[in-house]
Amino acid sequence: EDWPVRFHQDLARYRSVEWSGWLRVPVAGDYAFQLQGSRAVGEARVGDAITVPLNGIKSAALSAGAYPIAIRCRPESADDFCWLRWQPPGGGFAPIPPELLSPPG
């Protein structure tokens, strides 16, 4: 889905959302990740070294390549959201381009 991920139809049924797959880091450098949310509980993981708590920021030096990524959120209502953004080297915080994300496989 597009970021931010919004929870609508499945919220009443499942009460939580998880997305996992791969993030392709195009160039080596320092990256920061920010997970924002409203009235939700969650975290995002990038690779083995980065765990971002909800409404937190974590940064690390990454080499170019593919990293496993997982986002878990448990919102309180259908209006709540969970939004993962990144700050690539030399840039500002922005949504991760969809072409850099792929499902597991």
PDB file of N, CA and C in Angstrom:
ATOM      1  N   GLU A   1       0.832  -1.191   0.000  1.00  0.00           N
ATOM      2  CA  GLU A   1       0.000   0.000   0.000  1.00  0.00           C
ATOM      3  C   GLU A   1       0.867   1.242   0.000  1.00  0.00           C
ATOM      4  N   ASP A   2       0.246   2.345  -0.283  1.00  0.00           N
ATOM      5  CA  ASP A   2       0.953   3.618  -0.160  1.00  0.00           C
ATOM      6  C   ASP A   2       1.146   3.945   1.308  1.00  0.00           C
ATOM      7  N   TRP A   3       2.175   4.722   1.572  1.00  0.00           N
ATOM      8  CA  TRP A   3       2.397   5.209   2.940  1.00  0.00           C
ATOM      9  C   TRP A   3       1.648   6.512   3.095  1.00  0.00           C
ATOM     10  N   PRO A   4       1.056   6.854   4.202  1.00  0.00           N
ATOM     11  CA  PRO A   4       0.999   6.004   5.382  1.00  0.00           C
ATOM     12  C   PRO A   4       0.026   4.848   5.196  1.00  0.00           C
ATOM     13  N   VAL A   5       0.296   3.766   5.886  1.00  0.00           N
ATOM     14  CA  VAL A   5      -0.612   2.622   5.833  1.00  0.00           C
ATOM     15  C   VAL A   5      -1.807   2.956   6.722  1.00  0.00           C
ATOM     16  N   ARG A   6      -2.976   2.903   6.159  1.00  0.00           N
ATOM     17  CA  ARG A   6      -4.196   3.180   6.942  1.00  0.00           C
ATOM     18  C   ARG A   6      -4.982   1.885   7.098  1.00  0.00           C
ATOM     19  N   PHE A   7      -5.622   1.746   8.232  1.00  0.00           N
ATOM     20  CA  PHE A   7      -6.323   0.515   8.569  1.00  0.00           C
ATOM     21  C   PHE A   7      -7.824   0.773   8.488  1.00  0.00           C
ATOM     22  N   HIS A   8      -8.488   0.086   7.562  1.00  0.00           N
ATOM     23  CA  HIS A   8      -9.912   0.318   7.398  1.00  0.00           C
ATOM     24  C   HIS A   8     -10.709  -0.972   7.586  1.00  0.00           C
ATOM     25  N   GLN A   9     -10.822  -1.763   6.533  1.00  0.00           N
ATOM     26  CA  GLN A   9     -11.743  -2.887   6.528  1.00  0.00           C
ATOM     27  C   GLN A   9     -11.380  -3.993   7.506  1.00  0.00           C
ATOM     28  N   ASP A  10     -10.102  -4.305   7.658  1.00  0.00           N
ATOM     29  CA  ASP A  10      -9.719  -5.440   8.489  1.00  0.00           C
ATOM     30  C   ASP A  10      -9.522  -5.090   9.956  1.00  0.00           C
ATOM     31  N   LEU A  11      -9.636  -3.818  10.297  1.00  0.00           N
ATOM     32  CA  LEU A  11      -9.359  -3.408  11.674  1.00  0.00           C
ATOM     33  C   LEU A  11     -10.273  -4.087  12.676  1.00  0.00           C
ATOM     34  N   ALA A  12     -11.579  -4.078  12.431  1.00  0.00           N
ATOM     35  CA  ALA A  12     -12.523  -4.685  13.377  1.00  0.00           C
ATOM     36  C   ALA A  12     -12.292  -6.189  13.497  1.00  0.00           C
ATOM     37  N   ARG A  13     -11.841  -6.794  12.415  1.00  0.00           N
ATOM     38  CA  ARG A  13     -11.649  -8.236  12.422  1.00  0.00           C
ATOM     39  C   ARG A  13     -10.328  -8.660  13.060  1.00  0.00           C
ATOM     40  N   TYR A  14      -9.217  -7.972  12.725  1.00  0.00           N
ATOM     41  CA  TYR A  14      -7.896  -8.421  13.165  1.00  0.00           C
ATOM     42  C   TYR A  14      -7.277  -7.579  14.276  1.00  0.00           C
ATOM     43  N   ARG A  15      -7.593  -6.312  14.342  1.00  0.00           N
ATOM     44  CA  ARG A  15      -7.081  -5.393  15.362  1.00  0.00           C
ATOM     45  C   ARG A  15      -5.581  -5.165  15.306  1.00  0.00           C
ATOM     46  N   SER A  16      -4.904  -5.632  14.277  1.00  0.00           N
ATOM     47  CA  SER A  16      -3.487  -5.331  14.109  1.00  0.00           C
ATOM     48  C   SER A  16      -3.098  -5.541  12.652  1.00  0.00           C
ATOM     49  N   VAL A  17      -1.983  -4.942  12.272  1.00  0.00           N
ATOM     50  CA  VAL A  17      -1.502  -5.042  10.907  1.00  0.00           C
ATOM     51  C   VAL A  17      -0.003  -5.285  10.952  1.00  0.00           C
ATOM     52  N   GLU A  18       0.470  -6.164  10.078  1.00  0.00           N
ATOM     53  CA  GLU A  18       1.904  -6.394   9.942  1.00  0.00           C
ATOM     54  C   GLU A  18       2.239  -6.456   8.468  1.00  0.00           C
ATOM     55  N   TRP A  19       3.317  -5.786   8.096  1.00  0.00           N
ATOM     56  CA  TRP A  19       3.825  -5.855   6.732  1.00  0.00           C
ATOM     57  C   TRP A  19       5.294  -6.206   6.816  1.00  0.00           C
ATOM     58  N   SER A  20       5.722  -7.165   6.001  1.00  0.00           N
ATOM     59  CA  SER A  20       7.144  -7.495   5.964  1.00  0.00           C
ATOM     60  C   SER A  20       7.559  -7.726   4.520  1.00  0.00           C
ATOM     61  N   GLY A  21       8.821  -7.539   4.271  1.00  0.00           N
ATOM     62  CA  GLY A  21       9.358  -7.707   2.935  1.00  0.00           C
ATOM     63  C   GLY A  21      10.806  -7.280   2.900  1.00  0.00           C
ATOM     64  N   TRP A  22      11.185  -6.615   1.813  1.00  0.00           N
ATOM     65  CA  TRP A  22      12.569  -6.205   1.609  1.00  0.00           C
ATOM     66  C   TRP A  22      12.640  -4.732   1.248  1.00  0.00           C
ATOM     67  N   LEU A  23      13.666  -4.092   1.762  1.00  0.00           N
ATOM     68  CA  LEU A  23      13.974  -2.708   1.416  1.00  0.00           C
ATOM     69  C   LEU A  23      15.287  -2.712   0.652  1.00  0.00           C
ATOM     70  N   ARG A  24      15.281  -2.127  -0.536  1.00  0.00           N
ATOM     71  CA  ARG A  24      16.516  -1.998  -1.315  1.00  0.00           C
ATOM     72  C   ARG A  24      17.125  -0.630  -1.030  1.00  0.00           C
ATOM     73  N   VAL A  25      18.304  -0.635  -0.433  1.00  0.00           N
ATOM     74  CA  VAL A  25      19.040   0.598  -0.150  1.00  0.00           C
ATOM     75  C   VAL A  25      19.929   0.867  -1.367  1.00  0.00           C
ATOM     76  N   PRO A  26      19.679   1.973  -2.086  1.00  0.00           N
ATOM     77  CA  PRO A  26      20.370   2.190  -3.354  1.00  0.00           C
ATOM     78  C   PRO A  26      21.831   2.631  -3.214  1.00  0.00           C
ATOM     79  N   VAL A  27      22.167   3.382  -2.179  1.00  0.00           N
ATOM     80  CA  VAL A  27      23.543   3.852  -1.992  1.00  0.00           C
ATOM     81  C   VAL A  27      23.922   3.728  -0.525  1.00  0.00           C
ATOM     82  N   ALA A  28      25.192   3.480  -0.268  1.00  0.00           N
ATOM     83  CA  ALA A  28      25.685   3.388   1.107  1.00  0.00           C
ATOM     84  C   ALA A  28      25.655   4.770   1.761  1.00  0.00           C
ATOM     85  N   GLY A  29      25.434   4.776   3.069  1.00  0.00           N
ATOM     86  CA  GLY A  29      25.442   6.044   3.795  1.00  0.00           C
ATOM     87  C   GLY A  29      24.665   5.938   5.085  1.00  0.00           C
ATOM     88  N   ASP A  30      24.495   7.083   5.735  1.00  0.00           N
ATOM     89  CA  ASP A  30      23.738   7.152   6.983  1.00  0.00           C
ATOM     90  C   ASP A  30      22.263   7.360   6.672  1.00  0.00           C
ATOM     91  N   TYR A  31      21.426   6.469   7.195  1.00  0.00           N
ATOM     92  CA  TYR A  31      19.983   6.528   7.001  1.00  0.00           C
ATOM     93  C   TYR A  31      19.319   6.657   8.359  1.00  0.00           C
ATOM     94  N   ALA A  32      18.235   7.431   8.420  1.00  0.00           N
ATOM     95  CA  ALA A  32      17.408   7.510   9.620  1.00  0.00           C
ATOM     96  C   ALA A  32      16.016   7.032   9.251  1.00  0.00           C
ATOM     97  N   PHE A  33      15.363   6.349  10.190  1.00  0.00           N
ATOM     98  CA  PHE A  33      14.006   5.855   9.987  1.00  0.00           C
ATOM     99  C   PHE A  33      13.123   6.395  11.098  1.00  0.00           C
ATOM    100  N   GLN A  34      11.917   6.803  10.745  1.00  0.00           N
ATOM    101  CA  GLN A  34      10.959   7.364  11.699  1.00  0.00           C
ATOM    102  C   GLN A  34       9.624   6.652  11.526  1.00  0.00           C
ATOM    103  N   LEU A  35       9.091   6.137  12.635  1.00  0.00           N
ATOM    104  CA  LEU A  35       7.772   5.495  12.616  1.00  0.00           C
ATOM    105  C   LEU A  35       6.827   6.373  13.419  1.00  0.00           C
ATOM    106  N   GLN A  36       5.853   6.956  12.740  1.00  0.00           N
ATOM    107  CA  GLN A  36       4.872   7.806  13.402  1.00  0.00           C
ATOM    108  C   GLN A  36       3.541   7.086  13.459  1.00  0.00           C
ATOM    109  N   GLY A  37       2.765   7.400  14.472  1.00  0.00           N
ATOM    110  CA  GLY A  37       1.443   6.807  14.587  1.00  0.00           C
ATOM    111  C   GLY A  37       0.577   7.588  15.539  1.00  0.00           C
ATOM    112  N   SER A  38      -0.710   7.407  15.405  1.00  0.00           N
ATOM    113  CA  SER A  38      -1.655   8.034  16.329  1.00  0.00           C
ATOM    114  C   SER A  38      -2.434   6.931  17.021  1.00  0.00           C
ATOM    115  N   ARG A  39      -2.464   6.986  18.319  1.00  0.00           N
ATOM    116  CA  ARG A  39      -3.210   6.018  19.141  1.00  0.00           C
ATOM    117  C   ARG A  39      -2.986   4.590  18.657  1.00  0.00           C
ATOM    118  N   ALA A  40      -1.734   4.247  18.479  1.00  0.00           N
ATOM    119  CA  ALA A  40      -1.379   2.909  18.020  1.00  0.00           C
ATOM    120  C   ALA A  40      -0.171   2.428  18.815  1.00  0.00           C
ATOM    121  N   VAL A  41       0.053   1.141  18.774  1.00  0.00           N
ATOM    122  CA  VAL A  41       1.237   0.522  19.357  1.00  0.00           C
ATOM    123  C   VAL A  41       1.962  -0.153  18.214  1.00  0.00           C
ATOM    124  N   GLY A  42       3.286  -0.015  18.140  1.00  0.00           N
ATOM    125  CA  GLY A  42       3.972  -0.684  17.051  1.00  0.00           C
ATOM    126  C   GLY A  42       5.455  -0.437  17.042  1.00  0.00           C
ATOM    127  N   GLU A  43       6.100  -1.059  16.058  1.00  0.00           N
ATOM    128  CA  GLU A  43       7.521  -0.867  15.832  1.00  0.00           C
ATOM    129  C   GLU A  43       7.837  -1.247  14.397  1.00  0.00           C
ATOM    130  N   ALA A  44       8.979  -0.773  13.932  1.00  0.00           N
ATOM    131  CA  ALA A  44       9.483  -1.142  12.610  1.00  0.00           C
ATOM    132  C   ALA A  44      10.895  -1.681  12.785  1.00  0.00           C
ATOM    133  N   ARG A  45      11.226  -2.688  11.988  1.00  0.00           N
ATOM    134  CA  ARG A  45      12.580  -3.253  11.997  1.00  0.00           C
ATOM    135  C   ARG A  45      13.156  -3.184  10.599  1.00  0.00           C
ATOM    136  N   VAL A  46      14.415  -2.759  10.534  1.00  0.00           N
ATOM    137  CA  VAL A  46      15.129  -2.711   9.269  1.00  0.00           C
ATOM    138  C   VAL A  46      16.445  -3.447   9.487  1.00  0.00           C
ATOM    139  N   GLY A  47      16.643  -4.532   8.758  1.00  0.00           N
ATOM    140  CA  GLY A  47      17.840  -5.332   8.949  1.00  0.00           C
ATOM    141  C   GLY A  47      17.882  -5.912  10.347  1.00  0.00           C
ATOM    142  N   ASP A  48      19.082  -6.235  10.802  1.00  0.00           N
ATOM    143  CA  ASP A  48      19.251  -6.812  12.132  1.00  0.00           C
ATOM    144  C   ASP A  48      19.549  -5.771  13.199  1.00  0.00           C
ATOM    145  N   ALA A  49      19.914  -4.550  12.787  1.00  0.00           N
ATOM    146  CA  ALA A  49      20.426  -3.589  13.748  1.00  0.00           C
ATOM    147  C   ALA A  49      19.485  -2.434  14.075  1.00  0.00           C
ATOM    148  N   ILE A  50      18.399  -2.274  13.335  1.00  0.00           N
ATOM    149  CA  ILE A  50      17.555  -1.092  13.535  1.00  0.00           C
ATOM    150  C   ILE A  50      16.157  -1.507  13.968  1.00  0.00           C
ATOM    151  N   THR A  51      15.767  -1.092  15.168  1.00  0.00           N
ATOM    152  CA  THR A  51      14.396  -1.250  15.639  1.00  0.00           C
ATOM    153  C   THR A  51      13.890   0.135  16.008  1.00  0.00           C
ATOM    154  N   VAL A  52      12.834   0.568  15.325  1.00  0.00           N
ATOM    155  CA  VAL A  52      12.288   1.912  15.516  1.00  0.00           C
ATOM    156  C   VAL A  52      10.989   1.805  16.303  1.00  0.00           C
ATOM    157  N   PRO A  53      10.930   2.369  17.516  1.00  0.00           N
ATOM    158  CA  PRO A  53       9.669   2.353  18.250  1.00  0.00           C
ATOM    159  C   PRO A  53       8.685   3.353  17.653  1.00  0.00           C
ATOM    160  N   LEU A  54       7.420   3.153  17.921  1.00  0.00           N
ATOM    161  CA  LEU A  54       6.409   4.095  17.444  1.00  0.00           C
ATOM    162  C   LEU A  54       6.736   5.487  17.965  1.00  0.00           C
ATOM    163  N   ASN A  55       6.659   6.469  17.090  1.00  0.00           N
ATOM    164  CA  ASN A  55       6.981   7.858  17.362  1.00  0.00           C
ATOM    165  C   ASN A  55       8.431   8.042  17.777  1.00  0.00           C
ATOM    166  N   GLY A  56       9.281   7.193  17.223  1.00  0.00           N
ATOM    167  CA  GLY A  56      10.714   7.291  17.471  1.00  0.00           C
ATOM    168  C   GLY A  56      11.491   7.374  16.176  1.00  0.00           C
ATOM    169  N   ILE A  57      12.780   7.682  16.310  1.00  0.00           N
ATOM    170  CA  ILE A  57      13.696   7.771  15.173  1.00  0.00           C
ATOM    171  C   ILE A  57      14.945   6.974  15.520  1.00  0.00           C
ATOM    172  N   LYS A  58      15.419   6.181  14.580  1.00  0.00           N
ATOM    173  CA  LYS A  58      16.677   5.447  14.727  1.00  0.00           C
ATOM    174  C   LYS A  58      17.484   5.620  13.458  1.00  0.00           C
ATOM    175  N   SER A  59      18.797   5.727  13.588  1.00  0.00           N
ATOM    176  CA  SER A  59      19.646   5.854  12.416  1.00  0.00           C
ATOM    177  C   SER A  59      20.799   4.874  12.467  1.00  0.00           C
ATOM    178  N   ALA A  60      21.344   4.599  11.286  1.00  0.00           N
ATOM    179  CA  ALA A  60      22.469   3.674  11.166  1.00  0.00           C
ATOM    180  C   ALA A  60      23.125   3.875   9.807  1.00  0.00           C
ATOM    181  N   ALA A  61      24.396   3.508   9.755  1.00  0.00           N
ATOM    182  CA  ALA A  61      25.099   3.481   8.480  1.00  0.00           C
ATOM    183  C   ALA A  61      24.748   2.171   7.783  1.00  0.00           C
ATOM    184  N   LEU A  62      24.270   2.258   6.544  1.00  0.00           N
ATOM    185  CA  LEU A  62      23.881   1.077   5.779  1.00  0.00           C
ATOM    186  C   LEU A  62      24.693   0.996   4.501  1.00  0.00           C
ATOM    187  N   SER A  63      25.040  -0.208   4.119  1.00  0.00           N
ATOM    188  CA  SER A  63      25.658  -0.451   2.818  1.00  0.00           C
ATOM    189  C   SER A  63      24.551  -0.575   1.786  1.00  0.00           C
ATOM    190  N   ALA A  64      24.879  -0.346   0.536  1.00  0.00           N
ATOM    191  CA  ALA A  64      23.898  -0.574  -0.527  1.00  0.00           C
ATOM    192  C   ALA A  64      23.552  -2.059  -0.553  1.00  0.00           C
ATOM    193  N   GLY A  65      22.274  -2.369  -0.772  1.00  0.00           N
ATOM    194  CA  GLY A  65      21.843  -3.760  -0.821  1.00  0.00           C
ATOM    195  C   GLY A  65      20.430  -3.920  -0.318  1.00  0.00           C
ATOM    196  N   ALA A  66      20.011  -5.160  -0.119  1.00  0.00           N
ATOM    197  CA  ALA A  66      18.644  -5.473   0.314  1.00  0.00           C
ATOM    198  C   ALA A  66      18.645  -5.829   1.799  1.00  0.00           C
ATOM    199  N   TYR A  67      17.642  -5.305   2.513  1.00  0.00           N
ATOM    200  CA  TYR A  67      17.497  -5.541   3.945  1.00  0.00           C
ATOM    201  C   TYR A  67      16.084  -6.009   4.238  1.00  0.00           C
ATOM    202  N   PRO A  68      15.917  -6.983   5.133  1.00  0.00           N
ATOM    203  CA  PRO A  68      14.558  -7.336   5.543  1.00  0.00           C
ATOM    204  C   PRO A  68      13.951  -6.168   6.313  1.00  0.00           C
ATOM    205  N   ILE A  69      12.661  -5.969   6.117  1.00  0.00           N
ATOM    206  CA  ILE A  69      11.960  -4.886   6.796  1.00  0.00           C
ATOM    207  C   ILE A  69      10.616  -5.427   7.285  1.00  0.00           C
ATOM    208  N   ALA A  70      10.209  -5.010   8.475  1.00  0.00           N
ATOM    209  CA  ALA A  70       8.913  -5.426   9.030  1.00  0.00           C
ATOM    210  C   ALA A  70       8.322  -4.261   9.814  1.00  0.00           C
ATOM    211  N   ILE A  71       7.031  -4.067   9.651  1.00  0.00           N
ATOM    212  CA  ILE A  71       6.306  -3.029  10.374  1.00  0.00           C
ATOM    213  C   ILE A  71       5.134  -3.691  11.069  1.00  0.00           C
ATOM    214  N   ARG A  72       4.995  -3.459  12.357  1.00  0.00           N
ATOM    215  CA  ARG A  72       3.869  -4.006  13.124  1.00  0.00           C
ATOM    216  C   ARG A  72       3.166  -2.862  13.836  1.00  0.00           C
ATOM    217  N   CYS A  73       1.854  -2.790  13.673  1.00  0.00           N
ATOM    218  CA  CYS A  73       1.060  -1.748  14.329  1.00  0.00           C
ATOM    219  C   CYS A  73      -0.262  -2.316  14.814  1.00  0.00           C
ATOM    220  N   ARG A  74      -0.666  -1.861  15.976  1.00  0.00           N
ATOM    221  CA  ARG A  74      -1.968  -2.224  16.527  1.00  0.00           C
ATOM    222  C   ARG A  74      -2.689  -0.925  16.869  1.00  0.00           C
ATOM    223  N   PRO A  75      -3.540  -0.458  15.977  1.00  0.00           N
ATOM    224  CA  PRO A  75      -4.261   0.799  16.183  1.00  0.00           C
ATOM    225  C   PRO A  75      -5.466   0.607  17.100  1.00  0.00           C
ATOM    226  N   GLU A  76      -5.924   1.716  17.651  1.00  0.00           N
ATOM    227  CA  GLU A  76      -7.110   1.669  18.510  1.00  0.00           C
ATOM    228  C   GLU A  76      -8.397   1.883  17.731  1.00  0.00           C
ATOM    229  N   SER A  77      -8.326   2.574  16.597  1.00  0.00           N
ATOM    230  CA  SER A  77      -9.539   2.815  15.813  1.00  0.00           C
ATOM    231  C   SER A  77      -9.188   2.884  14.333  1.00  0.00           C
ATOM    232  N   ALA A  78     -10.205   2.921  13.509  1.00  0.00           N
ATOM    233  CA  ALA A  78     -10.014   2.952  12.058  1.00  0.00           C
ATOM    234  C   ALA A  78      -9.403   4.266  11.584  1.00  0.00           C
ATOM    235  N   ASP A  79      -9.399   5.301  12.416  1.00  0.00           N
ATOM    236  CA  ASP A  79      -8.816   6.582  12.035  1.00  0.00           C
ATOM    237  C   ASP A  79      -7.339   6.679  12.393  1.00  0.00           C
ATOM    238  N   ASP A  80      -6.820   5.697  13.106  1.00  0.00           N
ATOM    239  CA  ASP A  80      -5.420   5.715  13.502  1.00  0.00           C
ATOM    240  C   ASP A  80      -4.533   5.333  12.320  1.00  0.00           C
ATOM    241  N   PHE A  81      -3.263   5.675  12.419  1.00  0.00           N
ATOM    242  CA  PHE A  81      -2.349   5.365  11.330  1.00  0.00           C
ATOM    243  C   PHE A  81      -0.983   4.997  11.861  1.00  0.00           C
ATOM    244  N   CYS A  82      -0.211   4.398  11.001  1.00  0.00           N
ATOM    245  CA  CYS A  82       1.185   4.071  11.247  1.00  0.00           C
ATOM    246  C   CYS A  82       1.925   4.476   9.980  1.00  0.00           C
ATOM    247  N   TRP A  83       2.970   5.269  10.097  1.00  0.00           N
ATOM    248  CA  TRP A  83       3.615   5.855   8.940  1.00  0.00           C
ATOM    249  C   TRP A  83       5.117   5.720   9.092  1.00  0.00           C
ATOM    250  N   LEU A  84       5.772   4.962   8.216  1.00  0.00           N
ATOM    251  CA  LEU A  84       7.224   4.804   8.233  1.00  0.00           C
ATOM    252  C   LEU A  84       7.831   5.700   7.166  1.00  0.00           C
ATOM    253  N   ARG A  85       8.770   6.550   7.604  1.00  0.00           N
ATOM    254  CA  ARG A  85       9.489   7.421   6.677  1.00  0.00           C
ATOM    255  C   ARG A  85      10.987   7.198   6.868  1.00  0.00           C
ATOM    256  N   TRP A  86      11.751   7.617   5.907  1.00  0.00           N
ATOM    257  CA  TRP A  86      13.192   7.517   6.038  1.00  0.00           C
ATOM    258  C   TRP A  86      13.846   8.819   5.630  1.00  0.00           C
ATOM    259  N   GLN A  87      15.102   8.956   6.054  1.00  0.00           N
ATOM    260  CA  GLN A  87      15.927  10.084   5.658  1.00  0.00           C
ATOM    261  C   GLN A  87      17.189   9.498   5.030  1.00  0.00           C
ATOM    262  N   PRO A  88      17.242   9.468   3.694  1.00  0.00           N
ATOM    263  CA  PRO A  88      18.424   8.929   3.028  1.00  0.00           C
ATOM    264  C   PRO A  88      19.585   9.928   3.127  1.00  0.00           C
ATOM    265  N   PRO A  89      20.795   9.513   2.804  1.00  0.00           N
ATOM    266  CA  PRO A  89      21.931  10.429   2.868  1.00  0.00           C
ATOM    267  C   PRO A  89      21.682  11.700   2.048  1.00  0.00           C
ATOM    268  N   GLY A  90      21.892  12.841   2.666  1.00  0.00           N
ATOM    269  CA  GLY A  90      21.739  14.116   1.978  1.00  0.00           C
ATOM    270  C   GLY A  90      20.312  14.565   1.759  1.00  0.00           C
ATOM    271  N   GLY A  91      19.313  13.836   2.275  1.00  0.00           N
ATOM    272  CA  GLY A  91      17.910  14.194   2.059  1.00  0.00           C
ATOM    273  C   GLY A  91      17.194  14.487   3.355  1.00  0.00           C
ATOM    274  N   GLY A  92      15.927  14.823   3.223  1.00  0.00           N
ATOM    275  CA  GLY A  92      15.066  15.029   4.376  1.00  0.00           C
ATOM    276  C   GLY A  92      14.162  13.830   4.578  1.00  0.00           C
ATOM    277  N   PHE A  93      13.402  13.820   5.665  1.00  0.00           N
ATOM    278  CA  PHE A  93      12.469  12.715   5.907  1.00  0.00           C
ATOM    279  C   PHE A  93      11.383  12.718   4.841  1.00  0.00           C
ATOM    280  N   ALA A  94      11.117  11.538   4.296  1.00  0.00           N
ATOM    281  CA  ALA A  94      10.119  11.374   3.236  1.00  0.00           C
ATOM    282  C   ALA A  94       9.647   9.926   3.243  1.00  0.00           C
ATOM    283  N   PRO A  95       8.496   9.649   2.628  1.00  0.00           N
ATOM    284  CA  PRO A  95       8.077   8.250   2.480  1.00  0.00           C
ATOM    285  C   PRO A  95       9.118   7.464   1.697  1.00  0.00           C
ATOM    286  N   ILE A  96       9.270   6.197   2.012  1.00  0.00           N
ATOM    287  CA  ILE A  96      10.177   5.331   1.260  1.00  0.00           C
ATOM    288  C   ILE A  96       9.560   5.106  -0.116  1.00  0.00           C
ATOM    289  N   PRO A  97      10.305   5.345  -1.182  1.00  0.00           N
ATOM    290  CA  PRO A  97       9.732   5.138  -2.523  1.00  0.00           C
ATOM    291  C   PRO A  97       9.250   3.694  -2.699  1.00  0.00           C
ATOM    292  N   PRO A  98       8.041   3.494  -3.193  1.00  0.00           N
ATOM    293  CA  PRO A  98       7.496   2.145  -3.347  1.00  0.00           C
ATOM    294  C   PRO A  98       8.370   1.201  -4.170  1.00  0.00           C
ATOM    295  N   GLU A  99       9.095   1.749  -5.144  1.00  0.00           N
ATOM    296  CA  GLU A  99       9.932   0.896  -5.984  1.00  0.00           C
ATOM    297  C   GLU A  99      11.125   0.303  -5.226  1.00  0.00           C
ATOM    298  N   LEU A 100      11.384   0.799  -4.001  1.00  0.00           N
ATOM    299  CA  LEU A 100      12.462   0.247  -3.180  1.00  0.00           C
ATOM    300  C   LEU A 100      11.957  -0.798  -2.189  1.00  0.00           C
ATOM    301  N   LEU A 101      10.647  -1.036  -2.164  1.00  0.00           N
ATOM    302  CA  LEU A 101      10.040  -2.031  -1.268  1.00  0.00           C
ATOM    303  C   LEU A 101       9.526  -3.207  -2.079  1.00  0.00           C
ATOM    304  N   SER A 102       9.724  -4.386  -1.550  1.00  0.00           N
ATOM    305  CA  SER A 102       9.164  -5.568  -2.222  1.00  0.00           C
ATOM    306  C   SER A 102       8.674  -6.555  -1.184  1.00  0.00           C
ATOM    307  N   PRO A 103       7.665  -7.349  -1.532  1.00  0.00           N
ATOM    308  CA  PRO A 103       7.125  -8.329  -0.585  1.00  0.00           C
ATOM    309  C   PRO A 103       8.132  -9.437  -0.327  1.00  0.00           C
ATOM    310  N   PRO A 104       7.898 -10.228   0.717  1.00  0.00           N
ATOM    311  CA  PRO A 104       8.815 -11.332   0.978  1.00  0.00           C
ATOM    312  C   PRO A 104       8.832 -12.311  -0.191  1.00  0.00           C
ATOM    313  N   GLY A 105       9.931 -13.005  -0.320  1.00  0.00           N
ATOM    314  CA  GLY A 105       9.970 -13.989  -1.385  1.00  0.00           C
ATOM    315  C   GLY A 105      11.323 -14.229  -1.927  1.00  0.00           C
TER     316      GLY A 105
END
